[in-house]
Amino acid sequence: MHVAERIQEKTLVLMISGRVTFYSRKVFQAIVNSARLSGAKHIMFNIQGVTFMDSTALGALALAYLNLKECDLAMSLVGPQQSIKTLLESANFPTLIPTYPSEESAFQAIK
């Protein structure tokens, strides 16, 4: 798993790529903890570059959402590839975490 970040309009955009699995959970948790302290009001996970996600990653996303919500921070997912989108939909994630096809559509929705 690789992560790059940038701030745009009080939103922390985390661009995640590669495989998100049990083995990357500690890095993912550290990213979420850092995001909480970033001063951003919204945390956007751009997962366009994610090629594989296991059940541990799904759990980590759900925990991240609850953790950020507890701090009054919004969270969204952007750009899942079709296989990841299908996985998220089968677990009803779009009903929990707003999911958008692109960063542009996400920024339009959160304004």
PDB file of N, CA and C in Angstrom:
ATOM      1  N   MET A   1       0.841  -1.170   0.000  1.00  0.00           N
ATOM      2  CA  MET A   1       0.000   0.000   0.000  1.00  0.00           C
ATOM      3  C   MET A   1       0.890   1.238   0.000  1.00  0.00           C
ATOM      4  N   HIS A   2       0.553   2.178  -0.848  1.00  0.00           N
ATOM      5  CA  HIS A   2       1.258   3.454  -0.910  1.00  0.00           C
ATOM      6  C   HIS A   2       0.253   4.565  -0.670  1.00  0.00           C
ATOM      7  N   VAL A   3       0.701   5.637  -0.011  1.00  0.00           N
ATOM      8  CA  VAL A   3      -0.188   6.751   0.309  1.00  0.00           C
ATOM      9  C   VAL A   3       0.505   8.063  -0.004  1.00  0.00           C
ATOM     10  N   ALA A   4      -0.236   8.951  -0.652  1.00  0.00           N
ATOM     11  CA  ALA A   4       0.200  10.333  -0.852  1.00  0.00           C
ATOM     12  C   ALA A   4      -0.937  11.204  -0.338  1.00  0.00           C
ATOM     13  N   GLU A   5      -0.606  12.399   0.091  1.00  0.00           N
ATOM     14  CA  GLU A   5      -1.661  13.265   0.624  1.00  0.00           C
ATOM     15  C   GLU A   5      -1.486  14.697   0.180  1.00  0.00           C
ATOM     16  N   ARG A   6      -2.614  15.395   0.185  1.00  0.00           N
ATOM     17  CA  ARG A   6      -2.614  16.831  -0.080  1.00  0.00           C
ATOM     18  C   ARG A   6      -3.840  17.442   0.584  1.00  0.00           C
ATOM     19  N   ILE A   7      -3.766  18.732   0.851  1.00  0.00           N
ATOM     20  CA  ILE A   7      -4.906  19.465   1.414  1.00  0.00           C
ATOM     21  C   ILE A   7      -5.505  20.303   0.302  1.00  0.00           C
ATOM     22  N   GLN A   8      -6.813  20.262   0.187  1.00  0.00           N
ATOM     23  CA  GLN A   8      -7.521  21.072  -0.796  1.00  0.00           C
ATOM     24  C   GLN A   8      -8.847  21.505  -0.178  1.00  0.00           C
ATOM     25  N   GLU A   9      -9.026  22.804  -0.011  1.00  0.00           N
ATOM     26  CA  GLU A   9     -10.277  23.373   0.508  1.00  0.00           C
ATOM     27  C   GLU A   9     -10.721  22.718   1.822  1.00  0.00           C
ATOM     28  N   LYS A  10      -9.864  22.683   2.816  1.00  0.00           N
ATOM     29  CA  LYS A  10     -10.141  22.088   4.126  1.00  0.00           C
ATOM     30  C   LYS A  10     -10.444  20.596   4.064  1.00  0.00           C
ATOM     31  N   THR A  11     -10.056  19.966   2.958  1.00  0.00           N
ATOM     32  CA  THR A  11     -10.212  18.528   2.795  1.00  0.00           C
ATOM     33  C   THR A  11      -8.832  17.902   2.663  1.00  0.00           C
ATOM     34  N   LEU A  12      -8.607  16.876   3.447  1.00  0.00           N
ATOM     35  CA  LEU A  12      -7.378  16.105   3.324  1.00  0.00           C
ATOM     36  C   LEU A  12      -7.664  14.980   2.345  1.00  0.00           C
ATOM     37  N   VAL A  13      -6.973  14.999   1.224  1.00  0.00           N
ATOM     38  CA  VAL A  13      -7.137  13.959   0.204  1.00  0.00           C
ATOM     39  C   VAL A  13      -5.996  12.967   0.375  1.00  0.00           C
ATOM     40  N   LEU A  14      -6.364  11.722   0.662  1.00  0.00           N
ATOM     41  CA  LEU A  14      -5.395  10.641   0.815  1.00  0.00           C
ATOM     42  C   LEU A  14      -5.505   9.748  -0.409  1.00  0.00           C
ATOM     43  N   MET A  15      -4.473   9.742  -1.227  1.00  0.00           N
ATOM     44  CA  MET A  15      -4.459   8.931  -2.442  1.00  0.00           C
ATOM     45  C   MET A  15      -3.776   7.608  -2.115  1.00  0.00           C
ATOM     46  N   ILE A  16      -4.568   6.564  -2.083  1.00  0.00           N
ATOM     47  CA  ILE A  16      -4.083   5.241  -1.692  1.00  0.00           C
ATOM     48  C   ILE A  16      -3.987   4.366  -2.934  1.00  0.00           C
ATOM     49  N   SER A  17      -2.896   3.623  -3.026  1.00  0.00           N
ATOM     50  CA  SER A  17      -2.737   2.719  -4.167  1.00  0.00           C
ATOM     51  C   SER A  17      -2.135   1.400  -3.694  1.00  0.00           C
ATOM     52  N   GLY A  18      -2.287   0.395  -4.550  1.00  0.00           N
ATOM     53  CA  GLY A  18      -1.743  -0.921  -4.249  1.00  0.00           C
ATOM     54  C   GLY A  18      -2.746  -1.807  -3.545  1.00  0.00           C
ATOM     55  N   ARG A  19      -2.235  -2.759  -2.800  1.00  0.00           N
ATOM     56  CA  ARG A  19      -3.062  -3.724  -2.084  1.00  0.00           C
ATOM     57  C   ARG A  19      -3.276  -3.242  -0.653  1.00  0.00           C
ATOM     58  N   VAL A  20      -4.535  -3.212  -0.217  1.00  0.00           N
ATOM     59  CA  VAL A  20      -4.865  -2.822   1.151  1.00  0.00           C
ATOM     60  C   VAL A  20      -5.346  -4.096   1.847  1.00  0.00           C
ATOM     61  N   THR A  21      -4.518  -4.595   2.752  1.00  0.00           N
ATOM     62  CA  THR A  21      -4.772  -5.900   3.363  1.00  0.00           C
ATOM     63  C   THR A  21      -4.467  -5.876   4.859  1.00  0.00           C
ATOM     64  N   PHE A  22      -4.609  -7.032   5.449  1.00  0.00           N
ATOM     65  CA  PHE A  22      -4.259  -7.241   6.856  1.00  0.00           C
ATOM     66  C   PHE A  22      -2.861  -6.706   7.143  1.00  0.00           C
ATOM     67  N   TYR A  23      -1.942  -6.894   6.223  1.00  0.00           N
ATOM     68  CA  TYR A  23      -0.547  -6.515   6.440  1.00  0.00           C
ATOM     69  C   TYR A  23      -0.322  -5.007   6.408  1.00  0.00           C
ATOM     70  N   SER A  24      -1.247  -4.260   5.842  1.00  0.00           N
ATOM     71  CA  SER A  24      -1.093  -2.803   5.796  1.00  0.00           C
ATOM     72  C   SER A  24      -1.979  -2.111   6.825  1.00  0.00           C
ATOM     73  N   ARG A  25      -2.624  -2.853   7.702  1.00  0.00           N
ATOM     74  CA  ARG A  25      -3.588  -2.278   8.643  1.00  0.00           C
ATOM     75  C   ARG A  25      -2.969  -1.253   9.592  1.00  0.00           C
ATOM     76  N   LYS A  26      -1.754  -1.512  10.064  1.00  0.00           N
ATOM     77  CA  LYS A  26      -1.129  -0.581  11.011  1.00  0.00           C
ATOM     78  C   LYS A  26      -0.781   0.736  10.338  1.00  0.00           C
ATOM     79  N   VAL A  27      -0.335   0.681   9.102  1.00  0.00           N
ATOM     80  CA  VAL A  27      -0.063   1.902   8.346  1.00  0.00           C
ATOM     81  C   VAL A  27      -1.371   2.654   8.132  1.00  0.00           C
ATOM     82  N   PHE A  28      -2.425   1.933   7.777  1.00  0.00           N
ATOM     83  CA  PHE A  28      -3.727   2.561   7.550  1.00  0.00           C
ATOM     84  C   PHE A  28      -4.221   3.231   8.827  1.00  0.00           C
ATOM     85  N   GLN A  29      -4.110   2.556   9.959  1.00  0.00           N
ATOM     86  CA  GLN A  29      -4.530   3.136  11.235  1.00  0.00           C
ATOM     87  C   GLN A  29      -3.726   4.394  11.561  1.00  0.00           C
ATOM     88  N   ALA A  30      -2.440   4.379  11.285  1.00  0.00           N
ATOM     89  CA  ALA A  30      -1.599   5.554  11.530  1.00  0.00           C
ATOM     90  C   ALA A  30      -2.025   6.719  10.638  1.00  0.00           C
ATOM     91  N   ILE A  31      -2.400   6.421   9.406  1.00  0.00           N
ATOM     92  CA  ILE A  31      -2.870   7.458   8.488  1.00  0.00           C
ATOM     93  C   ILE A  31      -4.146   8.102   9.012  1.00  0.00           C
ATOM     94  N   VAL A  32      -5.059   7.281   9.506  1.00  0.00           N
ATOM     95  CA  VAL A  32      -6.323   7.804  10.039  1.00  0.00           C
ATOM     96  C   VAL A  32      -6.059   8.653  11.276  1.00  0.00           C
ATOM     97  N   ASN A  33      -5.189   8.186  12.161  1.00  0.00           N
ATOM     98  CA  ASN A  33      -4.848   8.979  13.353  1.00  0.00           C
ATOM     99  C   ASN A  33      -4.226  10.305  12.974  1.00  0.00           C
ATOM    100  N   SER A  34      -3.355  10.299  11.987  1.00  0.00           N
ATOM    101  CA  SER A  34      -2.733  11.533  11.508  1.00  0.00           C
ATOM    102  C   SER A  34      -3.778  12.458  10.887  1.00  0.00           C
ATOM    103  N   ALA A  35      -4.712  11.880  10.157  1.00  0.00           N
ATOM    104  CA  ALA A  35      -5.775  12.679   9.521  1.00  0.00           C
ATOM    105  C   ALA A  35      -6.620  13.385  10.563  1.00  0.00           C
ATOM    106  N   ARG A  36      -6.866  12.724  11.667  1.00  0.00           N
ATOM    107  CA  ARG A  36      -7.658  13.341  12.747  1.00  0.00           C
ATOM    108  C   ARG A  36      -7.000  14.622  13.253  1.00  0.00           C
ATOM    109  N   LEU A  37      -5.686  14.653  13.219  1.00  0.00           N
ATOM    110  CA  LEU A  37      -4.940  15.785  13.761  1.00  0.00           C
ATOM    111  C   LEU A  37      -4.563  16.820  12.698  1.00  0.00           C
ATOM    112  N   SER A  38      -4.980  16.593  11.466  1.00  0.00           N
ATOM    113  CA  SER A  38      -4.539  17.434  10.349  1.00  0.00           C
ATOM    114  C   SER A  38      -5.177  18.813  10.314  1.00  0.00           C
ATOM    115  N   GLY A  39      -6.297  18.983  10.997  1.00  0.00           N
ATOM    116  CA  GLY A  39      -7.015  20.253  10.922  1.00  0.00           C
ATOM    117  C   GLY A  39      -8.035  20.282   9.796  1.00  0.00           C
ATOM    118  N   ALA A  40      -8.066  19.247   8.987  1.00  0.00           N
ATOM    119  CA  ALA A  40      -9.036  19.165   7.901  1.00  0.00           C
ATOM    120  C   ALA A  40     -10.428  18.885   8.468  1.00  0.00           C
ATOM    121  N   LYS A  41     -11.439  19.300   7.733  1.00  0.00           N
ATOM    122  CA  LYS A  41     -12.827  19.054   8.133  1.00  0.00           C
ATOM    123  C   LYS A  41     -13.409  17.829   7.435  1.00  0.00           C
ATOM    124  N   HIS A  42     -12.742  17.414   6.376  1.00  0.00           N
ATOM    125  CA  HIS A  42     -13.225  16.292   5.573  1.00  0.00           C
ATOM    126  C   HIS A  42     -12.012  15.464   5.169  1.00  0.00           C
ATOM    127  N   ILE A  43     -12.146  14.142   5.273  1.00  0.00           N
ATOM    128  CA  ILE A  43     -11.073  13.245   4.867  1.00  0.00           C
ATOM    129  C   ILE A  43     -11.580  12.457   3.665  1.00  0.00           C
ATOM    130  N   MET A  44     -10.906  12.622   2.546  1.00  0.00           N
ATOM    131  CA  MET A  44     -11.310  11.966   1.307  1.00  0.00           C
ATOM    132  C   MET A  44     -10.264  10.905   0.975  1.00  0.00           C
ATOM    133  N   PHE A  45     -10.708   9.659   0.904  1.00  0.00           N
ATOM    134  CA  PHE A  45      -9.836   8.560   0.532  1.00  0.00           C
ATOM    135  C   PHE A  45     -10.002   8.304  -0.957  1.00  0.00           C
ATOM    136  N   ASN A  46      -9.008   8.725  -1.744  1.00  0.00           N
ATOM    137  CA  ASN A  46      -9.032   8.444  -3.175  1.00  0.00           C
ATOM    138  C   ASN A  46      -8.423   7.056  -3.341  1.00  0.00           C
ATOM    139  N   ILE A  47      -9.294   6.081  -3.646  1.00  0.00           N
ATOM    140  CA  ILE A  47      -8.853   4.688  -3.725  1.00  0.00           C
ATOM    141  C   ILE A  47      -8.801   4.196  -5.173  1.00  0.00           C
ATOM    142  N   GLN A  48      -8.692   5.134  -6.085  1.00  0.00           N
ATOM    143  CA  GLN A  48      -8.638   4.790  -7.499  1.00  0.00           C
ATOM    144  C   GLN A  48      -7.494   3.823  -7.809  1.00  0.00           C
ATOM    145  N   GLY A  49      -6.387   3.946  -7.106  1.00  0.00           N
ATOM    146  CA  GLY A  49      -5.224   3.104  -7.356  1.00  0.00           C
ATOM    147  C   GLY A  49      -5.185   1.817  -6.550  1.00  0.00           C
ATOM    148  N   VAL A  50      -6.239   1.554  -5.773  1.00  0.00           N
ATOM    149  CA  VAL A  50      -6.274   0.319  -4.986  1.00  0.00           C
ATOM    150  C   VAL A  50      -6.641  -0.842  -5.904  1.00  0.00           C
ATOM    151  N   THR A  51      -5.781  -1.851  -5.918  1.00  0.00           N
ATOM    152  CA  THR A  51      -5.988  -2.999  -6.806  1.00  0.00           C
ATOM    153  C   THR A  51      -6.605  -4.197  -6.097  1.00  0.00           C
ATOM    154  N   PHE A  52      -6.509  -4.224  -4.764  1.00  0.00           N
ATOM    155  CA  PHE A  52      -7.067  -5.336  -3.999  1.00  0.00           C
ATOM    156  C   PHE A  52      -7.357  -4.850  -2.590  1.00  0.00           C
ATOM    157  N   MET A  53      -8.463  -5.341  -2.025  1.00  0.00           N
ATOM    158  CA  MET A  53      -8.840  -4.988  -0.671  1.00  0.00           C
ATOM    159  C   MET A  53      -9.425  -6.244  -0.023  1.00  0.00           C
ATOM    160  N   ASP A  54      -8.932  -6.604   1.167  1.00  0.00           N
ATOM    161  CA  ASP A  54      -9.475  -7.776   1.842  1.00  0.00           C
ATOM    162  C   ASP A  54     -10.448  -7.358   2.939  1.00  0.00           C
ATOM    163  N   SER A  55     -10.965  -8.343   3.675  1.00  0.00           N
ATOM    164  CA  SER A  55     -11.968  -8.050   4.696  1.00  0.00           C
ATOM    165  C   SER A  55     -11.396  -7.196   5.834  1.00  0.00           C
ATOM    166  N   THR A  56     -10.110  -7.331   6.109  1.00  0.00           N
ATOM    167  CA  THR A  56      -9.484  -6.492   7.130  1.00  0.00           C
ATOM    168  C   THR A  56      -9.529  -5.027   6.702  1.00  0.00           C
ATOM    169  N   ALA A  57      -9.311  -4.772   5.431  1.00  0.00           N
ATOM    170  CA  ALA A  57      -9.362  -3.406   4.906  1.00  0.00           C
ATOM    171  C   ALA A  57     -10.774  -2.843   5.011  1.00  0.00           C
ATOM    172  N   LEU A  58     -11.777  -3.670   4.739  1.00  0.00           N
ATOM    173  CA  LEU A  58     -13.166  -3.215   4.897  1.00  0.00           C
ATOM    174  C   LEU A  58     -13.437  -2.822   6.345  1.00  0.00           C
ATOM    175  N   GLY A  59     -12.986  -3.645   7.259  1.00  0.00           N
ATOM    176  CA  GLY A  59     -13.145  -3.328   8.676  1.00  0.00           C
ATOM    177  C   GLY A  59     -12.413  -2.059   9.055  1.00  0.00           C
ATOM    178  N   ALA A  60     -11.222  -1.876   8.516  1.00  0.00           N
ATOM    179  CA  ALA A  60     -10.442  -0.670   8.801  1.00  0.00           C
ATOM    180  C   ALA A  60     -11.146   0.576   8.275  1.00  0.00           C
ATOM    181  N   LEU A  61     -11.769   0.466   7.093  1.00  0.00           N
ATOM    182  CA  LEU A  61     -12.530   1.604   6.551  1.00  0.00           C
ATOM    183  C   LEU A  61     -13.714   1.945   7.448  1.00  0.00           C
ATOM    184  N   ALA A  62     -14.428   0.921   7.896  1.00  0.00           N
ATOM    185  CA  ALA A  62     -15.574   1.159   8.777  1.00  0.00           C
ATOM    186  C   ALA A  62     -15.132   1.793  10.093  1.00  0.00           C
ATOM    187  N   LEU A  63     -14.048   1.282  10.663  1.00  0.00           N
ATOM    188  CA  LEU A  63     -13.531   1.865  11.907  1.00  0.00           C
ATOM    189  C   LEU A  63     -13.042   3.291  11.691  1.00  0.00           C
ATOM    190  N   ALA A  64     -12.413   3.550  10.548  1.00  0.00           N
ATOM    191  CA  ALA A  64     -11.963   4.906  10.240  1.00  0.00           C
ATOM    192  C   ALA A  64     -13.151   5.853  10.181  1.00  0.00           C
ATOM    193  N   TYR A  65     -14.218   5.419   9.519  1.00  0.00           N
ATOM    194  CA  TYR A  65     -15.419   6.248   9.427  1.00  0.00           C
ATOM    195  C   TYR A  65     -15.955   6.578  10.822  1.00  0.00           C
ATOM    196  N   LEU A  66     -16.082   5.568  11.668  1.00  0.00           N
ATOM    197  CA  LEU A  66     -16.605   5.790  13.023  1.00  0.00           C
ATOM    198  C   LEU A  66     -15.670   6.661  13.853  1.00  0.00           C
ATOM    199  N   ASN A  67     -14.380   6.437  13.719  1.00  0.00           N
ATOM    200  CA  ASN A  67     -13.373   7.207  14.441  1.00  0.00           C
ATOM    201  C   ASN A  67     -13.419   8.679  14.027  1.00  0.00           C
ATOM    202  N   LEU A  68     -13.494   8.929  12.726  1.00  0.00           N
ATOM    203  CA  LEU A  68     -13.528  10.307  12.236  1.00  0.00           C
ATOM    204  C   LEU A  68     -14.856  10.978  12.574  1.00  0.00           C
ATOM    205  N   LYS A  69     -15.939  10.232  12.478  1.00  0.00           N
ATOM    206  CA  LYS A  69     -17.257  10.780  12.818  1.00  0.00           C
ATOM    207  C   LYS A  69     -17.300  11.207  14.279  1.00  0.00           C
ATOM    208  N   GLU A  70     -16.660  10.431  15.141  1.00  0.00           N
ATOM    209  CA  GLU A  70     -16.578  10.743  16.562  1.00  0.00           C
ATOM    210  C   GLU A  70     -15.915  12.108  16.793  1.00  0.00           C
ATOM    211  N   CYS A  71     -15.034  12.490  15.879  1.00  0.00           N
ATOM    212  CA  CYS A  71     -14.326  13.769  15.962  1.00  0.00           C
ATOM    213  C   CYS A  71     -14.997  14.847  15.102  1.00  0.00           C
ATOM    214  N   ASP A  72     -16.225  14.589  14.656  1.00  0.00           N
ATOM    215  CA  ASP A  72     -16.965  15.509  13.787  1.00  0.00           C
ATOM    216  C   ASP A  72     -16.263  15.784  12.467  1.00  0.00           C
ATOM    217  N   LEU A  73     -15.592  14.778  11.939  1.00  0.00           N
ATOM    218  CA  LEU A  73     -14.945  14.879  10.638  1.00  0.00           C
ATOM    219  C   LEU A  73     -15.707  14.028   9.636  1.00  0.00           C
ATOM    220  N   ALA A  74     -15.921  14.563   8.450  1.00  0.00           N
ATOM    221  CA  ALA A  74     -16.593  13.812   7.386  1.00  0.00           C
ATOM    222  C   ALA A  74     -15.577  12.953   6.659  1.00  0.00           C
ATOM    223  N   MET A  75     -16.069  11.879   6.052  1.00  0.00           N
ATOM    224  CA  MET A  75     -15.203  10.972   5.302  1.00  0.00           C
ATOM    225  C   MET A  75     -15.921  10.552   4.037  1.00  0.00           C
ATOM    226  N   SER A  76     -15.160  10.408   2.973  1.00  0.00           N
ATOM    227  CA  SER A  76     -15.728   9.882   1.733  1.00  0.00           C
ATOM    228  C   SER A  76     -14.689   9.041   1.006  1.00  0.00           C
ATOM    229  N   LEU A  77     -15.201   8.209   0.100  1.00  0.00           N
ATOM    230  CA  LEU A  77     -14.360   7.374  -0.747  1.00  0.00           C
ATOM    231  C   LEU A  77     -14.517   7.840  -2.181  1.00  0.00           C
ATOM    232  N   VAL A  78     -13.429   7.805  -2.930  1.00  0.00           N
ATOM    233  CA  VAL A  78     -13.455   8.296  -4.308  1.00  0.00           C
ATOM    234  C   VAL A  78     -12.791   7.302  -5.249  1.00  0.00           C
ATOM    235  N   GLY A  79     -13.433   7.071  -6.378  1.00  0.00           N
ATOM    236  CA  GLY A  79     -12.830   6.381  -7.509  1.00  0.00           C
ATOM    237  C   GLY A  79     -12.522   4.917  -7.379  1.00  0.00           C
ATOM    238  N   PRO A  80     -13.352   4.132  -6.685  1.00  0.00           N
ATOM    239  CA  PRO A  80     -12.993   2.713  -6.614  1.00  0.00           C
ATOM    240  C   PRO A  80     -13.068   2.031  -7.983  1.00  0.00           C
ATOM    241  N   GLN A  81     -12.086   1.176  -8.270  1.00  0.00           N
ATOM    242  CA  GLN A  81     -12.129   0.365  -9.480  1.00  0.00           C
ATOM    243  C   GLN A  81     -13.324  -0.578  -9.368  1.00  0.00           C
ATOM    244  N   GLN A  82     -13.758  -1.128 -10.482  1.00  0.00           N
ATOM    245  CA  GLN A  82     -14.991  -1.929 -10.489  1.00  0.00           C
ATOM    246  C   GLN A  82     -14.961  -3.067  -9.472  1.00  0.00           C
ATOM    247  N   SER A  83     -13.855  -3.779  -9.353  1.00  0.00           N
ATOM    248  CA  SER A  83     -13.802  -4.906  -8.409  1.00  0.00           C
ATOM    249  C   SER A  83     -13.928  -4.424  -6.960  1.00  0.00           C
ATOM    250  N   ILE A  84     -13.313  -3.296  -6.654  1.00  0.00           N
ATOM    251  CA  ILE A  84     -13.402  -2.726  -5.308  1.00  0.00           C
ATOM    252  C   ILE A  84     -14.803  -2.160  -5.084  1.00  0.00           C
ATOM    253  N   LYS A  85     -15.355  -1.520  -6.093  1.00  0.00           N
ATOM    254  CA  LYS A  85     -16.713  -0.972  -6.005  1.00  0.00           C
ATOM    255  C   LYS A  85     -17.716  -2.089  -5.712  1.00  0.00           C
ATOM    256  N   THR A  86     -17.581  -3.219  -6.391  1.00  0.00           N
ATOM    257  CA  THR A  86     -18.464  -4.364  -6.175  1.00  0.00           C
ATOM    258  C   THR A  86     -18.334  -4.879  -4.741  1.00  0.00           C
ATOM    259  N   LEU A  87     -17.101  -4.959  -4.245  1.00  0.00           N
ATOM    260  CA  LEU A  87     -16.859  -5.393  -2.871  1.00  0.00           C
ATOM    261  C   LEU A  87     -17.517  -4.439  -1.882  1.00  0.00           C
ATOM    262  N   LEU A  88     -17.327  -3.147  -2.076  1.00  0.00           N
ATOM    263  CA  LEU A  88     -17.919  -2.150  -1.189  1.00  0.00           C
ATOM    264  C   LEU A  88     -19.448  -2.222  -1.219  1.00  0.00           C
ATOM    265  N   GLU A  89     -20.006  -2.368  -2.407  1.00  0.00           N
ATOM    266  CA  GLU A  89     -21.462  -2.443  -2.540  1.00  0.00           C
ATOM    267  C   GLU A  89     -22.023  -3.704  -1.887  1.00  0.00           C
ATOM    268  N   SER A  90     -21.317  -4.823  -2.016  1.00  0.00           N
ATOM    269  CA  SER A  90     -21.804  -6.060  -1.410  1.00  0.00           C
ATOM    270  C   SER A  90     -21.810  -5.978   0.115  1.00  0.00           C
ATOM    271  N   ALA A  91     -20.967  -5.111   0.674  1.00  0.00           N
ATOM    272  CA  ALA A  91     -20.921  -4.898   2.120  1.00  0.00           C
ATOM    273  C   ALA A  91     -21.731  -3.668   2.539  1.00  0.00           C
ATOM    274  N   ASN A  92     -22.502  -3.089   1.613  1.00  0.00           N
ATOM    275  CA  ASN A  92     -23.355  -1.913   1.873  1.00  0.00           C
ATOM    276  C   ASN A  92     -22.579  -0.680   2.332  1.00  0.00           C
ATOM    277  N   PHE A  93     -21.336  -0.562   1.935  1.00  0.00           N
ATOM    278  CA  PHE A  93     -20.533   0.593   2.345  1.00  0.00           C
ATOM    279  C   PHE A  93     -21.065   1.923   1.817  1.00  0.00           C
ATOM    280  N   PRO A  94     -21.577   1.985   0.585  1.00  0.00           N
ATOM    281  CA  PRO A  94     -22.073   3.287   0.110  1.00  0.00           C
ATOM    282  C   PRO A  94     -23.208   3.860   0.966  1.00  0.00           C
ATOM    283  N   THR A  95     -23.915   3.030   1.735  1.00  0.00           N
ATOM    284  CA  THR A  95     -24.948   3.556   2.632  1.00  0.00           C
ATOM    285  C   THR A  95     -24.330   4.136   3.900  1.00  0.00           C
ATOM    286  N   LEU A  96     -23.117   3.726   4.219  1.00  0.00           N
ATOM    287  CA  LEU A  96     -22.414   4.219   5.403  1.00  0.00           C
ATOM    288  C   LEU A  96     -21.471   5.361   5.051  1.00  0.00           C
ATOM    289  N   ILE A  97     -20.647   5.148   4.041  1.00  0.00           N
ATOM    290  CA  ILE A  97     -19.622   6.117   3.657  1.00  0.00           C
ATOM    291  C   ILE A  97     -19.940   6.630   2.253  1.00  0.00           C
ATOM    292  N   PRO A  98     -20.139   7.940   2.100  1.00  0.00           N
ATOM    293  CA  PRO A  98     -20.393   8.481   0.758  1.00  0.00           C
ATOM    294  C   PRO A  98     -19.268   8.092  -0.196  1.00  0.00           C
ATOM    295  N   THR A  99     -19.660   7.590  -1.356  1.00  0.00           N
ATOM    296  CA  THR A  99     -18.700   7.116  -2.349  1.00  0.00           C
ATOM    297  C   THR A  99     -18.977   7.806  -3.675  1.00  0.00           C
ATOM    298  N   TYR A 100     -17.925   8.341  -4.294  1.00  0.00           N
ATOM    299  CA  TYR A 100     -18.065   9.122  -5.518  1.00  0.00           C
ATOM    300  C   TYR A 100     -17.156   8.553  -6.604  1.00  0.00           C
ATOM    301  N   PRO A 101     -17.545   8.723  -7.865  1.00  0.00           N
ATOM    302  CA  PRO A 101     -16.718   8.203  -8.961  1.00  0.00           C
ATOM    303  C   PRO A 101     -15.427   8.993  -9.178  1.00  0.00           C
ATOM    304  N   SER A 102     -15.423  10.284  -8.777  1.00  0.00           N
ATOM    305  CA  SER A 102     -14.240  11.122  -9.007  1.00  0.00           C
ATOM    306  C   SER A 102     -14.099  12.155  -7.893  1.00  0.00           C
ATOM    307  N   GLU A 103     -12.900  12.710  -7.779  1.00  0.00           N
ATOM    308  CA  GLU A 103     -12.693  13.782  -6.806  1.00  0.00           C
ATOM    309  C   GLU A 103     -13.570  14.980  -7.135  1.00  0.00           C
ATOM    310  N   GLU A 104     -13.688  15.277  -8.417  1.00  0.00           N
ATOM    311  CA  GLU A 104     -14.505  16.419  -8.841  1.00  0.00           C
ATOM    312  C   GLU A 104     -15.942  16.271  -8.346  1.00  0.00           C
ATOM    313  N   SER A 105     -16.537  15.106  -8.530  1.00  0.00           N
ATOM    314  CA  SER A 105     -17.915  14.910  -8.086  1.00  0.00           C
ATOM    315  C   SER A 105     -18.007  14.933  -6.555  1.00  0.00           C
ATOM    316  N   ALA A 106     -16.984  14.458  -5.873  1.00  0.00           N
ATOM    317  CA  ALA A 106     -16.972  14.500  -4.411  1.00  0.00           C
ATOM    318  C   ALA A 106     -16.905  15.924  -3.905  1.00  0.00           C
ATOM    319  N   PHE A 107     -16.035  16.746  -4.507  1.00  0.00           N
ATOM    320  CA  PHE A 107     -15.935  18.136  -4.084  1.00  0.00           C
ATOM    321  C   PHE A 107     -17.214  18.900  -4.364  1.00  0.00           C
ATOM    322  N   GLN A 108     -17.879  18.598  -5.450  1.00  0.00           N
ATOM    323  CA  GLN A 108     -19.164  19.251  -5.760  1.00  0.00           C
ATOM    324  C   GLN A 108     -20.209  18.861  -4.706  1.00  0.00           C
ATOM    325  N   ALA A 109     -20.206  17.623  -4.290  1.00  0.00           N
ATOM    326  CA  ALA A 109     -21.196  17.146  -3.326  1.00  0.00           C
ATOM    327  C   ALA A 109     -20.969  17.689  -1.929  1.00  0.00           C
ATOM    328  N   ILE A 110     -19.726  17.953  -1.542  1.00  0.00           N
ATOM    329  CA  ILE A 110     -19.469  18.387  -0.171  1.00  0.00           C
ATOM    330  C   ILE A 110     -19.498  19.887  -0.001  1.00  0.00           C
ATOM    331  N   LYS A 111     -19.661  20.614  -1.084  1.00  0.00           N
ATOM    332  CA  LYS A 111     -19.717  22.077  -0.952  1.00  0.00           C
ATOM    333  C   LYS A 111     -21.013  22.534  -0.370  1.00  0.00           C
TER     334      LYS A 111
END
